Amino acid sequence: MRNQSSGGRSPGSRKRPALLWLLLPYVLFLAVLPLVNRVTPTVQGLPFLFFWMLLATLATPLAVWLARRADLKRGRS
């Protein structure tokens, strides 16, 4: 049975721009890595690369939470 609210499309084919938040960890970990791969400067006594990886690790749950929150606002669970 088709979902009438989606205009005849299957429920999974709707656009979900909130999922773009899930690209944030990918960009922070991989795409930017060649730019931050250095030991100096140090931030709070940590080499810059280590600080960057720590920052990206802490940003990952935030990105997942933002994507989930936006999905819930659109009525998806």
PDB file of N, CA and C in Angstrom:
ATOM      1  N   MET A   1       0.836  -1.174   0.000  1.00  0.00           N
ATOM      2  CA  MET A   1       0.000   0.000   0.000  1.00  0.00           C
ATOM      3  C   MET A   1       0.882   1.238   0.000  1.00  0.00           C
ATOM      4  N   ARG A   2       0.570   2.185  -0.818  1.00  0.00           N
ATOM      5  CA  ARG A   2       1.382   3.386  -0.942  1.00  0.00           C
ATOM      6  C   ARG A   2       1.046   4.406   0.123  1.00  0.00           C
ATOM      7  N   ASN A   3       2.050   5.140   0.489  1.00  0.00           N
ATOM      8  CA  ASN A   3       1.871   6.216   1.459  1.00  0.00           C
ATOM      9  C   ASN A   3       1.389   7.448   0.700  1.00  0.00           C
ATOM     10  N   GLN A   4       0.167   7.874   0.946  1.00  0.00           N
ATOM     11  CA  GLN A   4      -0.425   8.977   0.194  1.00  0.00           C
ATOM     12  C   GLN A   4       0.226  10.323   0.502  1.00  0.00           C
ATOM     13  N   SER A   5       0.819  10.473   1.687  1.00  0.00           N
ATOM     14  CA  SER A   5       1.409  11.759   2.054  1.00  0.00           C
ATOM     15  C   SER A   5       2.707  12.043   1.306  1.00  0.00           C
ATOM     16  N   SER A   6       3.326  11.029   0.713  1.00  0.00           N
ATOM     17  CA  SER A   6       4.593  11.254   0.020  1.00  0.00           C
ATOM     18  C   SER A   6       4.410  11.467  -1.480  1.00  0.00           C
ATOM     19  N   GLY A   7       3.179  11.632  -1.935  1.00  0.00           N
ATOM     20  CA  GLY A   7       2.961  11.888  -3.346  1.00  0.00           C
ATOM     21  C   GLY A   7       3.202  10.677  -4.217  1.00  0.00           C
ATOM     22  N   GLY A   8       2.985   9.455  -3.688  1.00  0.00           N
ATOM     23  CA  GLY A   8       3.154   8.255  -4.482  1.00  0.00           C
ATOM     24  C   GLY A   8       4.542   7.666  -4.426  1.00  0.00           C
ATOM     25  N   ARG A   9       5.481   8.361  -3.844  1.00  0.00           N
ATOM     26  CA  ARG A   9       6.831   7.823  -3.723  1.00  0.00           C
ATOM     27  C   ARG A   9       6.922   6.945  -2.490  1.00  0.00           C
ATOM     28  N   SER A  10       7.903   6.082  -2.477  1.00  0.00           N
ATOM     29  CA  SER A  10       8.094   5.253  -1.290  1.00  0.00           C
ATOM     30  C   SER A  10       8.612   6.127  -0.152  1.00  0.00           C
ATOM     31  N   PRO A  11       8.334   5.771   1.101  1.00  0.00           N
ATOM     32  CA  PRO A  11       8.737   6.611   2.233  1.00  0.00           C
ATOM     33  C   PRO A  11      10.237   6.849   2.320  1.00  0.00           C
ATOM     34  N   GLY A  12      11.038   5.919   1.872  1.00  0.00           N
ATOM     35  CA  GLY A  12      12.482   6.088   1.957  1.00  0.00           C
ATOM     36  C   GLY A  12      13.069   6.996   0.891  1.00  0.00           C
ATOM     37  N   SER A  13      12.265   7.405  -0.096  1.00  0.00           N
ATOM     38  CA  SER A  13      12.810   8.202  -1.185  1.00  0.00           C
ATOM     39  C   SER A  13      12.658   9.705  -0.960  1.00  0.00           C
ATOM     40  N   ARG A  14      12.118  10.093   0.181  1.00  0.00           N
ATOM     41  CA  ARG A  14      11.998  11.522   0.462  1.00  0.00           C
ATOM     42  C   ARG A  14      13.361  12.135   0.715  1.00  0.00           C
ATOM     43  N   LYS A  15      13.494  13.398   0.393  1.00  0.00           N
ATOM     44  CA  LYS A  15      14.755  14.082   0.653  1.00  0.00           C
ATOM     45  C   LYS A  15      14.924  14.266   2.151  1.00  0.00           C
ATOM     46  N   ARG A  16      16.141  14.055   2.598  1.00  0.00           N
ATOM     47  CA  ARG A  16      16.451  14.183   4.011  1.00  0.00           C
ATOM     48  C   ARG A  16      17.703  15.030   4.157  1.00  0.00           C
ATOM     49  N   PRO A  17      17.592  16.360   4.019  1.00  0.00           N
ATOM     50  CA  PRO A  17      18.786  17.209   4.099  1.00  0.00           C
ATOM     51  C   PRO A  17      19.466  17.164   5.457  1.00  0.00           C
ATOM     52  N   ALA A  18      18.762  16.741   6.481  1.00  0.00           N
ATOM     53  CA  ALA A  18      19.371  16.664   7.811  1.00  0.00           C
ATOM     54  C   ALA A  18      20.500  15.642   7.846  1.00  0.00           C
ATOM     55  N   LEU A  19      20.463  14.674   6.944  1.00  0.00           N
ATOM     56  CA  LEU A  19      21.515  13.663   6.928  1.00  0.00           C
ATOM     57  C   LEU A  19      22.855  14.237   6.477  1.00  0.00           C
ATOM     58  N   LEU A  20      22.847  15.435   5.947  1.00  0.00           N
ATOM     59  CA  LEU A  20      24.116  16.077   5.589  1.00  0.00           C
ATOM     60  C   LEU A  20      24.979  16.327   6.821  1.00  0.00           C
ATOM     61  N   TRP A  21      24.350  16.401   7.999  1.00  0.00           N
ATOM     62  CA  TRP A  21      25.129  16.535   9.235  1.00  0.00           C
ATOM     63  C   TRP A  21      26.060  15.345   9.419  1.00  0.00           C
ATOM     64  N   LEU A  22      25.680  14.203   8.877  1.00  0.00           N
ATOM     65  CA  LEU A  22      26.502  13.011   9.045  1.00  0.00           C
ATOM     66  C   LEU A  22      27.755  13.042   8.175  1.00  0.00           C
ATOM     67  N   LEU A  23      27.834  13.991   7.273  1.00  0.00           N
ATOM     68  CA  LEU A  23      29.071  14.177   6.502  1.00  0.00           C
ATOM     69  C   LEU A  23      30.135  14.918   7.304  1.00  0.00           C
ATOM     70  N   LEU A  24      29.733  15.608   8.344  1.00  0.00           N
ATOM     71  CA  LEU A  24      30.681  16.378   9.152  1.00  0.00           C
ATOM     72  C   LEU A  24      31.816  15.515   9.700  1.00  0.00           C
ATOM     73  N   PRO A  25      31.540  14.369  10.335  1.00  0.00           N
ATOM     74  CA  PRO A  25      32.666  13.550  10.814  1.00  0.00           C
ATOM     75  C   PRO A  25      33.590  13.087   9.688  1.00  0.00           C
ATOM     76  N   TYR A  26      33.011  12.711   8.555  1.00  0.00           N
ATOM     77  CA  TYR A  26      33.830  12.291   7.419  1.00  0.00           C
ATOM     78  C   TYR A  26      34.777  13.409   6.985  1.00  0.00           C
ATOM     79  N   VAL A  27      34.230  14.601   6.870  1.00  0.00           N
ATOM     80  CA  VAL A  27      35.053  15.735   6.441  1.00  0.00           C
ATOM     81  C   VAL A  27      36.131  16.031   7.474  1.00  0.00           C
ATOM     82  N   LEU A  28      35.763  16.030   8.746  1.00  0.00           N
ATOM     83  CA  LEU A  28      36.736  16.341   9.795  1.00  0.00           C
ATOM     84  C   LEU A  28      37.828  15.286   9.901  1.00  0.00           C
ATOM     85  N   PHE A  29      37.482  14.019   9.742  1.00  0.00           N
ATOM     86  CA  PHE A  29      38.478  12.957   9.896  1.00  0.00           C
ATOM     87  C   PHE A  29      39.324  12.748   8.648  1.00  0.00           C
ATOM     88  N   LEU A  30      38.707  12.743   7.465  1.00  0.00           N
ATOM     89  CA  LEU A  30      39.440  12.330   6.273  1.00  0.00           C
ATOM     90  C   LEU A  30      39.764  13.449   5.300  1.00  0.00           C
ATOM     91  N   ALA A  31      38.777  14.247   4.946  1.00  0.00           N
ATOM     92  CA  ALA A  31      38.985  15.230   3.888  1.00  0.00           C
ATOM     93  C   ALA A  31      39.962  16.323   4.293  1.00  0.00           C
ATOM     94  N   VAL A  32      39.956  16.691   5.558  1.00  0.00           N
ATOM     95  CA  VAL A  32      40.798  17.795   6.025  1.00  0.00           C
ATOM     96  C   VAL A  32      42.137  17.294   6.564  1.00  0.00           C
ATOM     97  N   LEU A  33      42.271  15.991   6.695  1.00  0.00           N
ATOM     98  CA  LEU A  33      43.471  15.418   7.299  1.00  0.00           C
ATOM     99  C   LEU A  33      44.782  15.883   6.657  1.00  0.00           C
ATOM    100  N   PRO A  34      44.914  15.950   5.344  1.00  0.00           N
ATOM    101  CA  PRO A  34      46.182  16.433   4.787  1.00  0.00           C
ATOM    102  C   PRO A  34      46.505  17.880   5.181  1.00  0.00           C
ATOM    103  N   LEU A  35      45.500  18.653   5.477  1.00  0.00           N
ATOM    104  CA  LEU A  35      45.737  20.047   5.865  1.00  0.00           C
ATOM    105  C   LEU A  35      46.166  20.201   7.319  1.00  0.00           C
ATOM    106  N   VAL A  36      45.784  19.275   8.167  1.00  0.00           N
ATOM    107  CA  VAL A  36      46.082  19.395   9.594  1.00  0.00           C
ATOM    108  C   VAL A  36      47.169  18.439  10.049  1.00  0.00           C
ATOM    109  N   ASN A  37      47.766  17.706   9.160  1.00  0.00           N
ATOM    110  CA  ASN A  37      48.792  16.732   9.519  1.00  0.00           C
ATOM    111  C   ASN A  37      50.109  17.448   9.804  1.00  0.00           C
ATOM    112  N   ARG A  38      50.217  17.945  11.020  1.00  0.00           N
ATOM    113  CA  ARG A  38      51.440  18.627  11.457  1.00  0.00           C
ATOM    114  C   ARG A  38      51.559  18.508  12.965  1.00  0.00           C
ATOM    115  N   VAL A  39      52.753  18.638  13.449  1.00  0.00           N
ATOM    116  CA  VAL A  39      52.996  18.538  14.887  1.00  0.00           C
ATOM    117  C   VAL A  39      52.897  19.913  15.530  1.00  0.00           C
ATOM    118  N   THR A  40      53.401  20.924  14.850  1.00  0.00           N
ATOM    119  CA  THR A  40      53.324  22.287  15.394  1.00  0.00           C
ATOM    120  C   THR A  40      52.259  23.038  14.634  1.00  0.00           C
ATOM    121  N   PRO A  41      51.526  23.883  15.183  1.00  0.00           N
ATOM    122  CA  PRO A  41      51.589  24.377  16.563  1.00  0.00           C
ATOM    123  C   PRO A  41      50.984  23.374  17.528  1.00  0.00           C
ATOM    124  N   THR A  42      51.212  23.625  18.803  1.00  0.00           N
ATOM    125  CA  THR A  42      50.582  22.802  19.824  1.00  0.00           C
ATOM    126  C   THR A  42      49.407  23.565  20.407  1.00  0.00           C
ATOM    127  N   VAL A  43      48.377  22.835  20.784  1.00  0.00           N
ATOM    128  CA  VAL A  43      47.187  23.421  21.382  1.00  0.00           C
ATOM    129  C   VAL A  43      47.006  22.754  22.743  1.00  0.00           C
ATOM    130  N   GLN A  44      47.084  23.542  23.792  1.00  0.00           N
ATOM    131  CA  GLN A  44      46.979  23.025  25.158  1.00  0.00           C
ATOM    132  C   GLN A  44      47.996  21.907  25.407  1.00  0.00           C
ATOM    133  N   GLY A  45      49.161  22.022  24.819  1.00  0.00           N
ATOM    134  CA  GLY A  45      50.212  21.036  25.006  1.00  0.00           C
ATOM    135  C   GLY A  45      50.096  19.810  24.113  1.00  0.00           C
ATOM    136  N   LEU A  46      49.079  19.749  23.289  1.00  0.00           N
ATOM    137  CA  LEU A  46      48.883  18.613  22.388  1.00  0.00           C
ATOM    138  C   LEU A  46      49.371  18.978  20.991  1.00  0.00           C
ATOM    139  N   PRO A  47      49.968  18.033  20.278  1.00  0.00           N
ATOM    140  CA  PRO A  47      50.275  18.294  18.872  1.00  0.00           C
ATOM    141  C   PRO A  47      48.977  18.594  18.111  1.00  0.00           C
ATOM    142  N   PHE A  48      49.075  19.424  17.106  1.00  0.00           N
ATOM    143  CA  PHE A  48      47.878  19.891  16.412  1.00  0.00           C
ATOM    144  C   PHE A  48      47.057  18.743  15.840  1.00  0.00           C
ATOM    145  N   LEU A  49      47.710  17.733  15.265  1.00  0.00           N
ATOM    146  CA  LEU A  49      46.976  16.605  14.689  1.00  0.00           C
ATOM    147  C   LEU A  49      46.174  15.857  15.760  1.00  0.00           C
ATOM    148  N   PHE A  50      46.783  15.649  16.923  1.00  0.00           N
ATOM    149  CA  PHE A  50      46.077  14.969  18.000  1.00  0.00           C
ATOM    150  C   PHE A  50      44.892  15.803  18.480  1.00  0.00           C
ATOM    151  N   PHE A  51      45.086  17.099  18.607  1.00  0.00           N
ATOM    152  CA  PHE A  51      43.996  17.990  19.000  1.00  0.00           C
ATOM    153  C   PHE A  51      42.867  17.944  17.967  1.00  0.00           C
ATOM    154  N   TRP A  52      43.219  17.928  16.683  1.00  0.00           N
ATOM    155  CA  TRP A  52      42.206  17.887  15.622  1.00  0.00           C
ATOM    156  C   TRP A  52      41.397  16.600  15.681  1.00  0.00           C
ATOM    157  N   MET A  53      42.066  15.470  15.891  1.00  0.00           N
ATOM    158  CA  MET A  53      41.355  14.193  15.979  1.00  0.00           C
ATOM    159  C   MET A  53      40.447  14.154  17.209  1.00  0.00           C
ATOM    160  N   LEU A  54      40.898  14.736  18.304  1.00  0.00           N
ATOM    161  CA  LEU A  54      40.061  14.815  19.498  1.00  0.00           C
ATOM    162  C   LEU A  54      38.829  15.673  19.225  1.00  0.00           C
ATOM    163  N   LEU A  55      39.015  16.791  18.560  1.00  0.00           N
ATOM    164  CA  LEU A  55      37.906  17.672  18.207  1.00  0.00           C
ATOM    165  C   LEU A  55      36.915  16.962  17.280  1.00  0.00           C
ATOM    166  N   ALA A  56      37.406  16.242  16.290  1.00  0.00           N
ATOM    167  CA  ALA A  56      36.541  15.526  15.358  1.00  0.00           C
ATOM    168  C   ALA A  56      35.778  14.410  16.067  1.00  0.00           C
ATOM    169  N   THR A  57      36.429  13.740  17.008  1.00  0.00           N
ATOM    170  CA  THR A  57      35.767  12.677  17.764  1.00  0.00           C
ATOM    171  C   THR A  57      34.639  13.240  18.614  1.00  0.00           C
ATOM    172  N   LEU A  58      34.850  14.396  19.212  1.00  0.00           N
ATOM    173  CA  LEU A  58      33.815  15.021  20.031  1.00  0.00           C
ATOM    174  C   LEU A  58      32.690  15.602  19.174  1.00  0.00           C
ATOM    175  N   ALA A  59      32.973  15.969  17.936  1.00  0.00           N
ATOM    176  CA  ALA A  59      31.955  16.528  17.047  1.00  0.00           C
ATOM    177  C   ALA A  59      31.059  15.449  16.441  1.00  0.00           C
ATOM    178  N   THR A  60      31.504  14.211  16.414  1.00  0.00           N
ATOM    179  CA  THR A  60      30.724  13.141  15.803  1.00  0.00           C
ATOM    180  C   THR A  60      29.378  12.901  16.498  1.00  0.00           C
ATOM    181  N   PRO A  61      29.326  12.744  17.824  1.00  0.00           N
ATOM    182  CA  PRO A  61      28.012  12.570  18.456  1.00  0.00           C
ATOM    183  C   PRO A  61      27.115  13.794  18.281  1.00  0.00           C
ATOM    184  N   LEU A  62      27.711  14.967  18.225  1.00  0.00           N
ATOM    185  CA  LEU A  62      26.937  16.180  17.991  1.00  0.00           C
ATOM    186  C   LEU A  62      26.274  16.145  16.617  1.00  0.00           C
ATOM    187  N   ALA A  63      27.004  15.706  15.601  1.00  0.00           N
ATOM    188  CA  ALA A  63      26.451  15.621  14.250  1.00  0.00           C
ATOM    189  C   ALA A  63      25.329  14.585  14.180  1.00  0.00           C
ATOM    190  N   VAL A  64      25.506  13.460  14.847  1.00  0.00           N
ATOM    191  CA  VAL A  64      24.464  12.427  14.861  1.00  0.00           C
ATOM    192  C   VAL A  64      23.222  12.956  15.574  1.00  0.00           C
ATOM    193  N   TRP A  65      23.427  13.654  16.679  1.00  0.00           N
ATOM    194  CA  TRP A  65      22.299  14.217  17.424  1.00  0.00           C
ATOM    195  C   TRP A  65      21.546  15.256  16.590  1.00  0.00           C
ATOM    196  N   LEU A  66      22.270  16.104  15.868  1.00  0.00           N
ATOM    197  CA  LEU A  66      21.619  17.112  15.026  1.00  0.00           C
ATOM    198  C   LEU A  66      20.808  16.463  13.903  1.00  0.00           C
ATOM    199  N   ALA A  67      21.341  15.409  13.303  1.00  0.00           N
ATOM    200  CA  ALA A  67      20.609  14.715  12.241  1.00  0.00           C
ATOM    201  C   ALA A  67      19.354  14.052  12.806  1.00  0.00           C
ATOM    202  N   ARG A  68      19.468  13.434  13.952  1.00  0.00           N
ATOM    203  CA  ARG A  68      18.301  12.784  14.563  1.00  0.00           C
ATOM    204  C   ARG A  68      17.252  13.809  14.974  1.00  0.00           C
ATOM    205  N   ARG A  69      17.690  14.911  15.533  1.00  0.00           N
ATOM    206  CA  ARG A  69      16.752  15.952  15.960  1.00  0.00           C
ATOM    207  C   ARG A  69      15.984  16.509  14.770  1.00  0.00           C
ATOM    208  N   ALA A  70      16.676  16.720  13.664  1.00  0.00           N
ATOM    209  CA  ALA A  70      16.006  17.252  12.471  1.00  0.00           C
ATOM    210  C   ALA A  70      15.026  16.227  11.911  1.00  0.00           C
ATOM    211  N   ASP A  71      15.376  14.939  11.942  1.00  0.00           N
ATOM    212  CA  ASP A  71      14.449  13.900  11.484  1.00  0.00           C
ATOM    213  C   ASP A  71      13.198  13.847  12.369  1.00  0.00           C
ATOM    214  N   LEU A  72      13.393  13.979  13.658  1.00  0.00           N
ATOM    215  CA  LEU A  72      12.246  13.946  14.577  1.00  0.00           C
ATOM    216  C   LEU A  72      11.331  15.150  14.354  1.00  0.00           C
ATOM    217  N   LYS A  73      11.910  16.298  14.027  1.00  0.00           N
ATOM    218  CA  LYS A  73      11.102  17.481  13.746  1.00  0.00           C
ATOM    219  C   LYS A  73      10.258  17.287  12.490  1.00  0.00           C
ATOM    220  N   ARG A  74      10.768  16.494  11.543  1.00  0.00           N
ATOM    221  CA  ARG A  74      10.027  16.226  10.310  1.00  0.00           C
ATOM    222  C   ARG A  74       9.025  15.099  10.501  1.00  0.00           C
ATOM    223  N   GLY A  75       8.968  14.520  11.685  1.00  0.00           N
ATOM    224  CA  GLY A  75       8.003  13.482  11.962  1.00  0.00           C
ATOM    225  C   GLY A  75       8.487  12.089  11.647  1.00  0.00           C
ATOM    226  N   ARG A  76       9.772  11.905  11.516  1.00  0.00           N
ATOM    227  CA  ARG A  76      10.331  10.580  11.252  1.00  0.00           C
ATOM    228  C   ARG A  76      10.926  10.049  12.548  1.00  0.00           C
ATOM    229  N   SER A  77      10.872   8.760  12.726  1.00  0.00           N
ATOM    230  CA  SER A  77      11.470   8.189  13.935  1.00  0.00           C
ATOM    231  C   SER A  77      12.603   7.257  13.604  1.00  0.00           C
TER     232      SER A  77
END
